PDB file of N, CA and C in Angstrom:
ATOM      1  N   PHE A   1       4.929  -4.383 -12.995  1.00  0.00           N
ATOM      2  CA  PHE A   1       4.501  -4.021 -11.629  1.00  0.00           C
ATOM      3  C   PHE A   1       5.688  -3.567 -10.783  1.00  0.00           C
ATOM      4  N   ARG A   2       6.760  -4.335 -10.857  1.00  0.00           N
ATOM      5  CA  ARG A   2       7.922  -4.100 -10.004  1.00  0.00           C
ATOM      6  C   ARG A   2       8.559  -2.752 -10.283  1.00  0.00           C
ATOM      7  N   ASP A   3       8.749  -2.400 -11.549  1.00  0.00           N
ATOM      8  CA  ASP A   3       9.474  -1.168 -11.911  1.00  0.00           C
ATOM      9  C   ASP A   3       8.559   0.078 -11.876  1.00  0.00           C
ATOM     10  N   ARG A   4       7.290  -0.065 -11.905  1.00  0.00           N
ATOM     11  CA  ARG A   4       6.275   0.993 -11.872  1.00  0.00           C
ATOM     12  C   ARG A   4       6.508   2.019 -13.015  1.00  0.00           C
ATOM     13  N   VAL A   5       6.936   1.547 -14.162  1.00  0.00           N
ATOM     14  CA  VAL A   5       7.148   2.405 -15.310  1.00  0.00           C
ATOM     15  C   VAL A   5       6.009   2.232 -16.283  1.00  0.00           C
ATOM     16  N   VAL A   6       5.401   3.352 -16.704  1.00  0.00           N
ATOM     17  CA  VAL A   6       4.360   3.337 -17.711  1.00  0.00           C
ATOM     18  C   VAL A   6       4.984   3.807 -19.009  1.00  0.00           C
ATOM     19  N   HIS A   7       5.062   2.899 -19.977  1.00  0.00           N
ATOM     20  CA  HIS A   7       5.694   3.224 -21.255  1.00  0.00           C
ATOM     21  C   HIS A   7       4.710   4.017 -22.128  1.00  0.00           C
ATOM     22  N   PRO A   8       5.237   4.878 -22.990  1.00  0.00           N
ATOM     23  CA  PRO A   8       4.377   5.716 -23.818  1.00  0.00           C
ATOM     24  C   PRO A   8       3.651   4.922 -24.899  1.00  0.00           C
ATOM     25  N   THR A   9       2.521   5.521 -25.337  1.00  0.00           N
ATOM     26  CA  THR A   9       1.820   4.980 -26.491  1.00  0.00           C
ATOM     27  C   THR A   9       2.590   5.362 -27.745  1.00  0.00           C
ATOM     28  N   ILE A  10       2.847   4.381 -28.586  1.00  0.00           N
ATOM     29  CA  ILE A  10       3.659   4.667 -29.787  1.00  0.00           C
ATOM     30  C   ILE A  10       2.826   5.322 -30.875  1.00  0.00           C
ATOM     31  N   ASN A  11       3.507   5.997 -31.778  1.00  0.00           N
ATOM     32  CA  ASN A  11       2.888   6.659 -32.949  1.00  0.00           C
ATOM     33  C   ASN A  11       1.873   7.719 -32.562  1.00  0.00           C
ATOM     34  N   VAL A  12       1.961   8.292 -31.381  1.00  0.00           N
ATOM     35  CA  VAL A  12       1.107   9.405 -30.997  1.00  0.00           C
ATOM     36  C   VAL A  12       2.007  10.536 -30.589  1.00  0.00           C
ATOM     37  N   GLU A  13       1.834  11.688 -31.258  1.00  0.00           N
ATOM     38  CA  GLU A  13       2.634  12.859 -30.958  1.00  0.00           C
ATOM     39  C   GLU A  13       1.800  13.921 -30.278  1.00  0.00           C
ATOM     40  N   GLU A  14       0.538  14.007 -30.641  1.00  0.00           N
ATOM     41  CA  GLU A  14      -0.361  15.047 -30.112  1.00  0.00           C
ATOM     42  C   GLU A  14      -1.784  14.517 -30.111  1.00  0.00           C
ATOM     43  N   LEU A  15      -2.513  14.803 -29.030  1.00  0.00           N
ATOM     44  CA  LEU A  15      -3.893  14.367 -28.916  1.00  0.00           C
ATOM     45  C   LEU A  15      -4.850  15.447 -29.322  1.00  0.00           C
ATOM     46  N   ASP A  16      -5.984  15.086 -29.912  1.00  0.00           N
ATOM     47  CA  ASP A  16      -7.058  15.997 -30.144  1.00  0.00           C
ATOM     48  C   ASP A  16      -7.677  16.327 -28.807  1.00  0.00           C
ATOM     49  N   PRO A  17      -7.814  17.563 -28.377  1.00  0.00           N
ATOM     50  CA  PRO A  17      -8.347  17.865 -27.051  1.00  0.00           C
ATOM     51  C   PRO A  17      -9.738  17.328 -26.833  1.00  0.00           C
ATOM     52  N   GLU A  18     -10.541  17.164 -27.892  1.00  0.00           N
ATOM     53  CA  GLU A  18     -11.877  16.641 -27.787  1.00  0.00           C
ATOM     54  C   GLU A  18     -11.866  15.118 -27.553  1.00  0.00           C
ATOM     55  N   CYS A  19     -10.766  14.470 -27.791  1.00  0.00           N
ATOM     56  CA  CYS A  19     -10.654  13.011 -27.670  1.00  0.00           C
ATOM     57  C   CYS A  19      -9.638  12.622 -26.609  1.00  0.00           C
ATOM     58  N   ALA A  20      -9.353  13.498 -25.719  1.00  0.00           N
ATOM     59  CA  ALA A  20      -8.294  13.271 -24.721  1.00  0.00           C
ATOM     60  C   ALA A  20      -8.620  12.068 -23.842  1.00  0.00           C
ATOM     61  N   VAL A  21      -7.600  11.249 -23.576  1.00  0.00           N
ATOM     62  CA  VAL A  21      -7.756  10.116 -22.719  1.00  0.00           C
ATOM     63  C   VAL A  21      -7.003  10.380 -21.405  1.00  0.00           C
ATOM     64  N   PRO A  22      -7.654  10.263 -20.274  1.00  0.00           N
ATOM     65  CA  PRO A  22      -7.007  10.556 -19.014  1.00  0.00           C
ATOM     66  C   PRO A  22      -5.771   9.647 -18.813  1.00  0.00           C
ATOM     67  N   ASN A  23      -4.695  10.210 -18.342  1.00  0.00           N
ATOM     68  CA  ASN A  23      -3.489   9.490 -17.999  1.00  0.00           C
ATOM     69  C   ASN A  23      -2.790   8.783 -19.155  1.00  0.00           C
ATOM     70  N   LEU A  24      -3.076   9.159 -20.373  1.00  0.00           N
ATOM     71  CA  LEU A  24      -2.356   8.552 -21.532  1.00  0.00           C
ATOM     72  C   LEU A  24      -0.934   9.114 -21.559  1.00  0.00           C
ATOM     73  N   VAL A  25       0.026   8.214 -21.657  1.00  0.00           N
ATOM     74  CA  VAL A  25       1.427   8.634 -21.652  1.00  0.00           C
ATOM     75  C   VAL A  25       1.930   8.772 -23.088  1.00  0.00           C
ATOM     76  N   ILE A  26       2.454   9.951 -23.394  1.00  0.00           N
ATOM     77  CA  ILE A  26       2.993  10.215 -24.745  1.00  0.00           C
ATOM     78  C   ILE A  26       4.419  10.721 -24.624  1.00  0.00           C
ATOM     79  N   GLY A  27       5.279  10.221 -25.481  1.00  0.00           N
ATOM     80  CA  GLY A  27       6.674  10.728 -25.492  1.00  0.00           C
ATOM     81  C   GLY A  27       7.603   9.889 -24.674  1.00  0.00           C
ATOM     82  N   GLU A  28       7.785  10.263 -23.397  1.00  0.00           N
ATOM     83  CA  GLU A  28       8.728   9.573 -22.507  1.00  0.00           C
ATOM     84  C   GLU A  28       8.010   8.750 -21.472  1.00  0.00           C
ATOM     85  N   PRO A  29       8.595   7.635 -21.051  1.00  0.00           N
ATOM     86  CA  PRO A  29       7.999   6.810 -19.958  1.00  0.00           C
ATOM     87  C   PRO A  29       7.877   7.666 -18.687  1.00  0.00           C
ATOM     88  N   VAL A  30       6.890   7.325 -17.873  1.00  0.00           N
ATOM     89  CA  VAL A  30       6.723   7.977 -16.587  1.00  0.00           C
ATOM     90  C   VAL A  30       6.647   6.954 -15.455  1.00  0.00           C
ATOM     91  N   GLU A  31       7.048   7.381 -14.303  1.00  0.00           N
ATOM     92  CA  GLU A  31       6.961   6.458 -13.143  1.00  0.00           C
ATOM     93  C   GLU A  31       5.649   6.626 -12.445  1.00  0.00           C
ATOM     94  N   ALA A  32       4.962   5.541 -12.191  1.00  0.00           N
ATOM     95  CA  ALA A  32       3.668   5.551 -11.511  1.00  0.00           C
ATOM     96  C   ALA A  32       3.879   5.262 -10.031  1.00  0.00           C
ATOM     97  N   LYS A  33       2.974   5.775  -9.227  1.00  0.00           N
ATOM     98  CA  LYS A  33       3.048   5.499  -7.779  1.00  0.00           C
ATOM     99  C   LYS A  33       2.783   4.044  -7.503  1.00  0.00           C
ATOM    100  N   ARG A  34       1.813   3.479  -8.206  1.00  0.00           N
ATOM    101  CA  ARG A  34       1.490   2.061  -8.054  1.00  0.00           C
ATOM    102  C   ARG A  34       0.806   1.573  -9.321  1.00  0.00           C
ATOM    103  N   VAL A  35       1.142   0.387  -9.734  1.00  0.00           N
ATOM    104  CA  VAL A  35       0.506  -0.209 -10.917  1.00  0.00           C
ATOM    105  C   VAL A  35      -0.236  -1.445 -10.444  1.00  0.00           C
ATOM    106  N   ASP A  36      -1.550  -1.452 -10.624  1.00  0.00           N
ATOM    107  CA  ASP A  36      -2.378  -2.557 -10.209  1.00  0.00           C
ATOM    108  C   ASP A  36      -2.809  -3.458 -11.367  1.00  0.00           C
ATOM    109  N   ALA A  37      -2.855  -2.899 -12.572  1.00  0.00           N
ATOM    110  CA  ALA A  37      -3.267  -3.684 -13.728  1.00  0.00           C
ATOM    111  C   ALA A  37      -2.506  -3.217 -14.988  1.00  0.00           C
ATOM    112  N   ILE A  38      -2.284  -4.138 -15.895  1.00  0.00           N
ATOM    113  CA  ILE A  38      -1.588  -3.860 -17.135  1.00  0.00           C
ATOM    114  C   ILE A  38      -2.446  -4.385 -18.291  1.00  0.00           C
ATOM    115  N   LEU A  39      -2.594  -3.579 -19.324  1.00  0.00           N
ATOM    116  CA  LEU A  39      -3.277  -4.006 -20.539  1.00  0.00           C
ATOM    117  C   LEU A  39      -2.274  -3.889 -21.698  1.00  0.00           C
ATOM    118  N   ASN A  40      -2.118  -4.958 -22.444  1.00  0.00           N
ATOM    119  CA  ASN A  40      -1.211  -4.998 -23.594  1.00  0.00           C
ATOM    120  C   ASN A  40      -2.038  -5.459 -24.818  1.00  0.00           C
ATOM    121  N   ASN A  41      -2.195  -4.603 -25.818  1.00  0.00           N
ATOM    122  CA  ASN A  41      -2.893  -4.938 -27.051  1.00  0.00           C
ATOM    123  C   ASN A  41      -1.881  -5.277 -28.115  1.00  0.00           C
ATOM    124  N   SER A  42      -2.239  -6.211 -28.993  1.00  0.00           N
ATOM    125  CA  SER A  42      -1.392  -6.525 -30.152  1.00  0.00           C
ATOM    126  C   SER A  42      -2.300  -6.673 -31.332  1.00  0.00           C
ATOM    127  N   PHE A  43      -2.061  -5.874 -32.351  1.00  0.00           N
ATOM    128  CA  PHE A  43      -2.867  -5.873 -33.553  1.00  0.00           C
ATOM    129  C   PHE A  43      -2.044  -6.391 -34.714  1.00  0.00           C
ATOM    130  N   GLY A  44      -2.430  -7.500 -35.310  1.00  0.00           N
ATOM    131  CA  GLY A  44      -1.674  -8.084 -36.387  1.00  0.00           C
ATOM    132  C   GLY A  44      -2.398  -7.998 -37.705  1.00  0.00           C
ATOM    133  N   MET A  45      -1.769  -8.536 -38.714  1.00  0.00           N
ATOM    134  CA  MET A  45      -2.359  -8.551 -40.056  1.00  0.00           C
ATOM    135  C   MET A  45      -3.459  -9.579 -40.151  1.00  0.00           C
ATOM    136  N   LEU A  46      -4.392  -9.345 -41.031  1.00  0.00           N
ATOM    137  CA  LEU A  46      -5.496 -10.258 -41.308  1.00  0.00           C
ATOM    138  C   LEU A  46      -6.427 -10.455 -40.105  1.00  0.00           C
ATOM    139  N   GLY A  47      -6.491  -9.453 -39.245  1.00  0.00           N
ATOM    140  CA  GLY A  47      -7.417  -9.494 -38.118  1.00  0.00           C
ATOM    141  C   GLY A  47      -6.965 -10.373 -36.938  1.00  0.00           C
ATOM    142  N   ILE A  48      -5.671 -10.690 -36.932  1.00  0.00           N
ATOM    143  CA  ILE A  48      -5.175 -11.516 -35.799  1.00  0.00           C
ATOM    144  C   ILE A  48      -4.795 -10.553 -34.716  1.00  0.00           C
ATOM    145  N   ASN A  49      -5.697 -10.343 -33.728  1.00  0.00           N
ATOM    146  CA  ASN A  49      -5.535  -9.380 -32.702  1.00  0.00           C
ATOM    147  C   ASN A  49      -5.613 -10.100 -31.328  1.00  0.00           C
ATOM    148  N   SER A  50      -4.948  -9.516 -30.344  1.00  0.00           N
ATOM    149  CA  SER A  50      -5.033 -10.113 -28.990  1.00  0.00           C
ATOM    150  C   SER A  50      -4.928  -9.003 -27.954  1.00  0.00           C
ATOM    151  N   ALA A  51      -5.425  -9.306 -26.788  1.00  0.00           N
ATOM    152  CA  ALA A  51      -5.292  -8.421 -25.660  1.00  0.00           C
ATOM    153  C   ALA A  51      -4.966  -9.247 -24.440  1.00  0.00           C
ATOM    154  N   LEU A  52      -4.044  -8.731 -23.630  1.00  0.00           N
ATOM    155  CA  LEU A  52      -3.625  -9.436 -22.410  1.00  0.00           C
ATOM    156  C   LEU A  52      -3.821  -8.473 -21.275  1.00  0.00           C
ATOM    157  N   VAL A  53      -4.534  -8.894 -20.222  1.00  0.00           N
ATOM    158  CA  VAL A  53      -4.742  -8.082 -19.066  1.00  0.00           C
ATOM    159  C   VAL A  53      -4.156  -8.850 -17.870  1.00  0.00           C
ATOM    160  N   ILE A  54      -3.295  -8.155 -17.104  1.00  0.00           N
ATOM    161  CA  ILE A  54      -2.671  -8.770 -15.921  1.00  0.00           C
ATOM    162  C   ILE A  54      -2.977  -7.872 -14.778  1.00  0.00           C
ATOM    163  N   LYS A  55      -3.501  -8.429 -13.680  1.00  0.00           N
ATOM    164  CA  LYS A  55      -3.834  -7.659 -12.501  1.00  0.00           C
ATOM    165  C   LYS A  55      -3.014  -8.160 -11.311  1.00  0.00           C
ATOM    166  N   ARG A  56      -2.609  -7.204 -10.444  1.00  0.00           N
ATOM    167  CA  ARG A  56      -1.841  -7.537  -9.268  1.00  0.00           C
ATOM    168  C   ARG A  56      -2.687  -8.492  -8.415  1.00  0.00           C
ATOM    169  N   TYR A  57      -2.059  -9.517  -7.854  1.00  0.00           N
ATOM    170  CA  TYR A  57      -2.706 -10.460  -6.968  1.00  0.00           C
ATOM    171  C   TYR A  57      -2.958  -9.797  -5.615  1.00  0.00           C
ATOM    172  N   THR A  58      -4.173  -9.907  -5.120  1.00  0.00           N
ATOM    173  CA  THR A  58      -4.477  -9.442  -3.780  1.00  0.00           C
ATOM    174  C   THR A  58      -5.049 -10.597  -3.001  1.00  0.00           C
ATOM    175  N   ASP A  59      -4.647 -10.733  -1.757  1.00  0.00           N
ATOM    176  CA  ASP A  59      -5.105 -11.836  -0.938  1.00  0.00           C
ATOM    177  C   ASP A  59      -6.340 -11.477  -0.151  1.00  0.00           C
TER     178      ASP A  59
END
């Protein structure tokens, strides 16, 4: 949240235009105006997968 850097998706060099995902970052990190939520996926062997979602606290 603090640095507002969106890191690129790994192992993706080019997207199929028919499967384009809006705002997907490929190649180099980009700076975002504001980051309100972060999603981190981890895919392991033998089906051990996890997802972590963190959202900015609002009062």
